[in-house]
Amino acid sequence: GVYPLGMRQSPVVNRITRGRHPDGWEVQDVPERTFIMIHPGNWIENSDGCILVGREAIIHDNRLMITDSQKTFDALMDAMGTRQDWDIDIRAFQAAYP
């Protein structure tokens, strides 16, 4: 669905970005869910239900890994700027191989 994003202070984002970003974007108005943050992370255990950003998803040591997460998050935060009225369109996707 399409959900609004709101900027909020996040100890998690602050910690993960080593203080570069004390605030982060939260996906809001999701039924039965709260505190869905967009933040850097390389492994599924870094997400805890949040959205991880990165350059690509690869298989590393037989596990799914997100690459260049910190750089990608910094670029995302720069691109989103100070505007406060963003929406995010989240769609289910399953990769298919030829």
C-alpha atoms as a PDB file:
ATOM      1  CA  GLY A   1       0.000   0.000   0.000  1.00  0.00           C
ATOM      2  CA  VAL A   2       0.871   3.669   0.043  1.00  0.00           C
ATOM      3  CA  TYR A   3       1.858   5.036   3.440  1.00  0.00           C
ATOM      4  CA  PRO A   4       2.976   8.447   4.690  1.00  0.00           C
ATOM      5  CA  LEU A   5       6.530   8.926   5.890  1.00  0.00           C
ATOM      6  CA  GLY A   6       7.257  11.050   8.926  1.00  0.00           C
ATOM      7  CA  MET A   7      10.584  12.279  10.198  1.00  0.00           C
ATOM      8  CA  ARG A   8      11.258  11.429  13.830  1.00  0.00           C
ATOM      9  CA  GLN A   9      14.152  11.188  16.242  1.00  0.00           C
ATOM     10  CA  SER A  10      15.447   7.644  16.325  1.00  0.00           C
ATOM     11  CA  PRO A  11      18.090   6.256  18.685  1.00  0.00           C
ATOM     12  CA  VAL A  12      18.450   3.301  16.291  1.00  0.00           C
ATOM     13  CA  VAL A  13      19.139   5.453  13.226  1.00  0.00           C
ATOM     14  CA  ASN A  14      21.443   7.679  15.283  1.00  0.00           C
ATOM     15  CA  ARG A  15      23.424   4.651  16.524  1.00  0.00           C
ATOM     16  CA  ILE A  16      23.590   2.879  13.168  1.00  0.00           C
ATOM     17  CA  THR A  17      24.755   6.019  11.339  1.00  0.00           C
ATOM     18  CA  ARG A  18      27.255   6.850  14.103  1.00  0.00           C
ATOM     19  CA  GLY A  19      25.527  10.163  14.797  1.00  0.00           C
ATOM     20  CA  ARG A  20      25.364  11.385  11.189  1.00  0.00           C
ATOM     21  CA  HIS A  21      21.555  11.182  11.259  1.00  0.00           C
ATOM     22  CA  PRO A  22      19.827  11.600  14.637  1.00  0.00           C
ATOM     23  CA  ASP A  23      16.465  11.578  12.823  1.00  0.00           C
ATOM     24  CA  GLY A  24      15.078   9.131  10.321  1.00  0.00           C
ATOM     25  CA  TRP A  25      12.013   8.391   8.224  1.00  0.00           C
ATOM     26  CA  GLU A  26       9.256   6.288   9.770  1.00  0.00           C
ATOM     27  CA  VAL A  27       6.580   4.502   7.717  1.00  0.00           C
ATOM     28  CA  GLN A  28       3.335   5.564   9.406  1.00  0.00           C
ATOM     29  CA  ASP A  29      -0.309   4.473   9.553  1.00  0.00           C
ATOM     30  CA  VAL A  30       0.468   0.793   8.938  1.00  0.00           C
ATOM     31  CA  PRO A  31      -2.273  -1.327  10.547  1.00  0.00           C
ATOM     32  CA  GLU A  32      -1.054  -3.176  13.652  1.00  0.00           C
ATOM     33  CA  ARG A  33       2.557  -1.924  13.219  1.00  0.00           C
ATOM     34  CA  THR A  34       4.596   0.927  14.673  1.00  0.00           C
ATOM     35  CA  PHE A  35       8.155   2.251  14.467  1.00  0.00           C
ATOM     36  CA  ILE A  36       8.901   0.975  10.950  1.00  0.00           C
ATOM     37  CA  MET A  37      12.063   2.937  10.242  1.00  0.00           C
ATOM     38  CA  ILE A  38      14.098   3.234   7.051  1.00  0.00           C
ATOM     39  CA  HIS A  39      17.761   2.772   7.960  1.00  0.00           C
ATOM     40  CA  PRO A  40      21.095   1.210   6.967  1.00  0.00           C
ATOM     41  CA  GLY A  41      21.755  -2.472   7.565  1.00  0.00           C
ATOM     42  CA  ASN A  42      23.397  -5.363   5.789  1.00  0.00           C
ATOM     43  CA  TRP A  43      21.618  -8.450   7.130  1.00  0.00           C
ATOM     44  CA  ILE A  44      18.013  -9.457   7.830  1.00  0.00           C
ATOM     45  CA  GLU A  45      18.741  -9.464  11.564  1.00  0.00           C
ATOM     46  CA  ASN A  46      19.542  -5.735  11.236  1.00  0.00           C
ATOM     47  CA  SER A  47      15.976  -4.967  10.176  1.00  0.00           C
ATOM     48  CA  ASP A  48      13.702  -6.097  13.053  1.00  0.00           C
ATOM     49  CA  GLY A  49      10.768  -5.261  10.775  1.00  0.00           C
ATOM     50  CA  CYS A  50      12.277  -2.057   9.404  1.00  0.00           C
ATOM     51  CA  ILE A  51      13.255  -1.241   5.818  1.00  0.00           C
ATOM     52  CA  LEU A  52      16.941  -1.554   4.948  1.00  0.00           C
ATOM     53  CA  VAL A  53      18.404   0.405   2.042  1.00  0.00           C
ATOM     54  CA  GLY A  54      21.423  -0.426  -0.079  1.00  0.00           C
ATOM     55  CA  ARG A  55      22.845  -0.633  -3.560  1.00  0.00           C
ATOM     56  CA  GLU A  56      21.959  -4.277  -4.236  1.00  0.00           C
ATOM     57  CA  ALA A  57      20.974  -7.540  -2.592  1.00  0.00           C
ATOM     58  CA  ILE A  58      23.490 -10.353  -3.014  1.00  0.00           C
ATOM     59  CA  ILE A  59      24.080 -13.819  -1.602  1.00  0.00           C
ATOM     60  CA  HIS A  60      27.119 -13.816   0.695  1.00  0.00           C
ATOM     61  CA  ASP A  61      28.074 -16.857   2.805  1.00  0.00           C
ATOM     62  CA  ASN A  62      24.728 -18.426   1.777  1.00  0.00           C
ATOM     63  CA  ARG A  63      22.834 -15.451   3.232  1.00  0.00           C
ATOM     64  CA  LEU A  64      21.053 -12.500   1.667  1.00  0.00           C
ATOM     65  CA  MET A  65      23.102  -9.327   2.146  1.00  0.00           C
ATOM     66  CA  ILE A  66      22.435  -5.668   1.341  1.00  0.00           C
ATOM     67  CA  THR A  67      25.518  -3.824   0.011  1.00  0.00           C
ATOM     68  CA  ASP A  68      26.651  -0.186   0.452  1.00  0.00           C
ATOM     69  CA  SER A  69      23.939   0.450   3.007  1.00  0.00           C
ATOM     70  CA  GLN A  70      25.536   3.405   4.824  1.00  0.00           C
ATOM     71  CA  LYS A  71      26.399   5.272   1.601  1.00  0.00           C
ATOM     72  CA  THR A  72      22.963   4.573   0.137  1.00  0.00           C
ATOM     73  CA  PHE A  73      21.218   5.783   3.293  1.00  0.00           C
ATOM     74  CA  ASP A  74      23.279   9.003   3.306  1.00  0.00           C
ATOM     75  CA  ALA A  75      22.353   9.588  -0.349  1.00  0.00           C
ATOM     76  CA  LEU A  76      18.674   8.897   0.383  1.00  0.00           C
ATOM     77  CA  MET A  77      18.636  11.343   3.286  1.00  0.00           C
ATOM     78  CA  ASP A  78      20.319  13.996   1.123  1.00  0.00           C
ATOM     79  CA  ALA A  79      17.870  13.403  -1.743  1.00  0.00           C
ATOM     80  CA  MET A  80      14.830  13.638   0.543  1.00  0.00           C
ATOM     81  CA  GLY A  81      16.106  16.921   1.976  1.00  0.00           C
ATOM     82  CA  THR A  82      13.965  18.907   4.360  1.00  0.00           C
ATOM     83  CA  ARG A  83      10.628  18.161   2.716  1.00  0.00           C
ATOM     84  CA  GLN A  84       8.236  16.680   5.265  1.00  0.00           C
ATOM     85  CA  ASP A  85       5.406  15.248   3.117  1.00  0.00           C
ATOM     86  CA  TRP A  86       6.654  12.050   1.493  1.00  0.00           C
ATOM     87  CA  ASP A  87       4.693   8.872   0.804  1.00  0.00           C
ATOM     88  CA  ILE A  88       6.091   5.410   0.193  1.00  0.00           C
ATOM     89  CA  ASP A  89       4.510   2.780  -2.068  1.00  0.00           C
ATOM     90  CA  ILE A  90       5.307  -0.684  -0.714  1.00  0.00           C
ATOM     91  CA  ARG A  91       4.622  -3.649  -2.982  1.00  0.00           C
ATOM     92  CA  ALA A  92       5.166  -7.358  -2.557  1.00  0.00           C
ATOM     93  CA  PHE A  93       7.749  -8.681  -4.959  1.00  0.00           C
ATOM     94  CA  GLN A  94       9.101 -12.119  -5.544  1.00  0.00           C
ATOM     95  CA  ALA A  95      12.149 -12.492  -7.742  1.00  0.00           C
ATOM     96  CA  ALA A  96      11.735 -14.784 -10.725  1.00  0.00           C
ATOM     97  CA  TYR A  97      14.641 -16.323 -12.547  1.00  0.00           C
ATOM     98  CA  PRO A  98      14.529 -17.277 -16.213  1.00  0.00           C
END
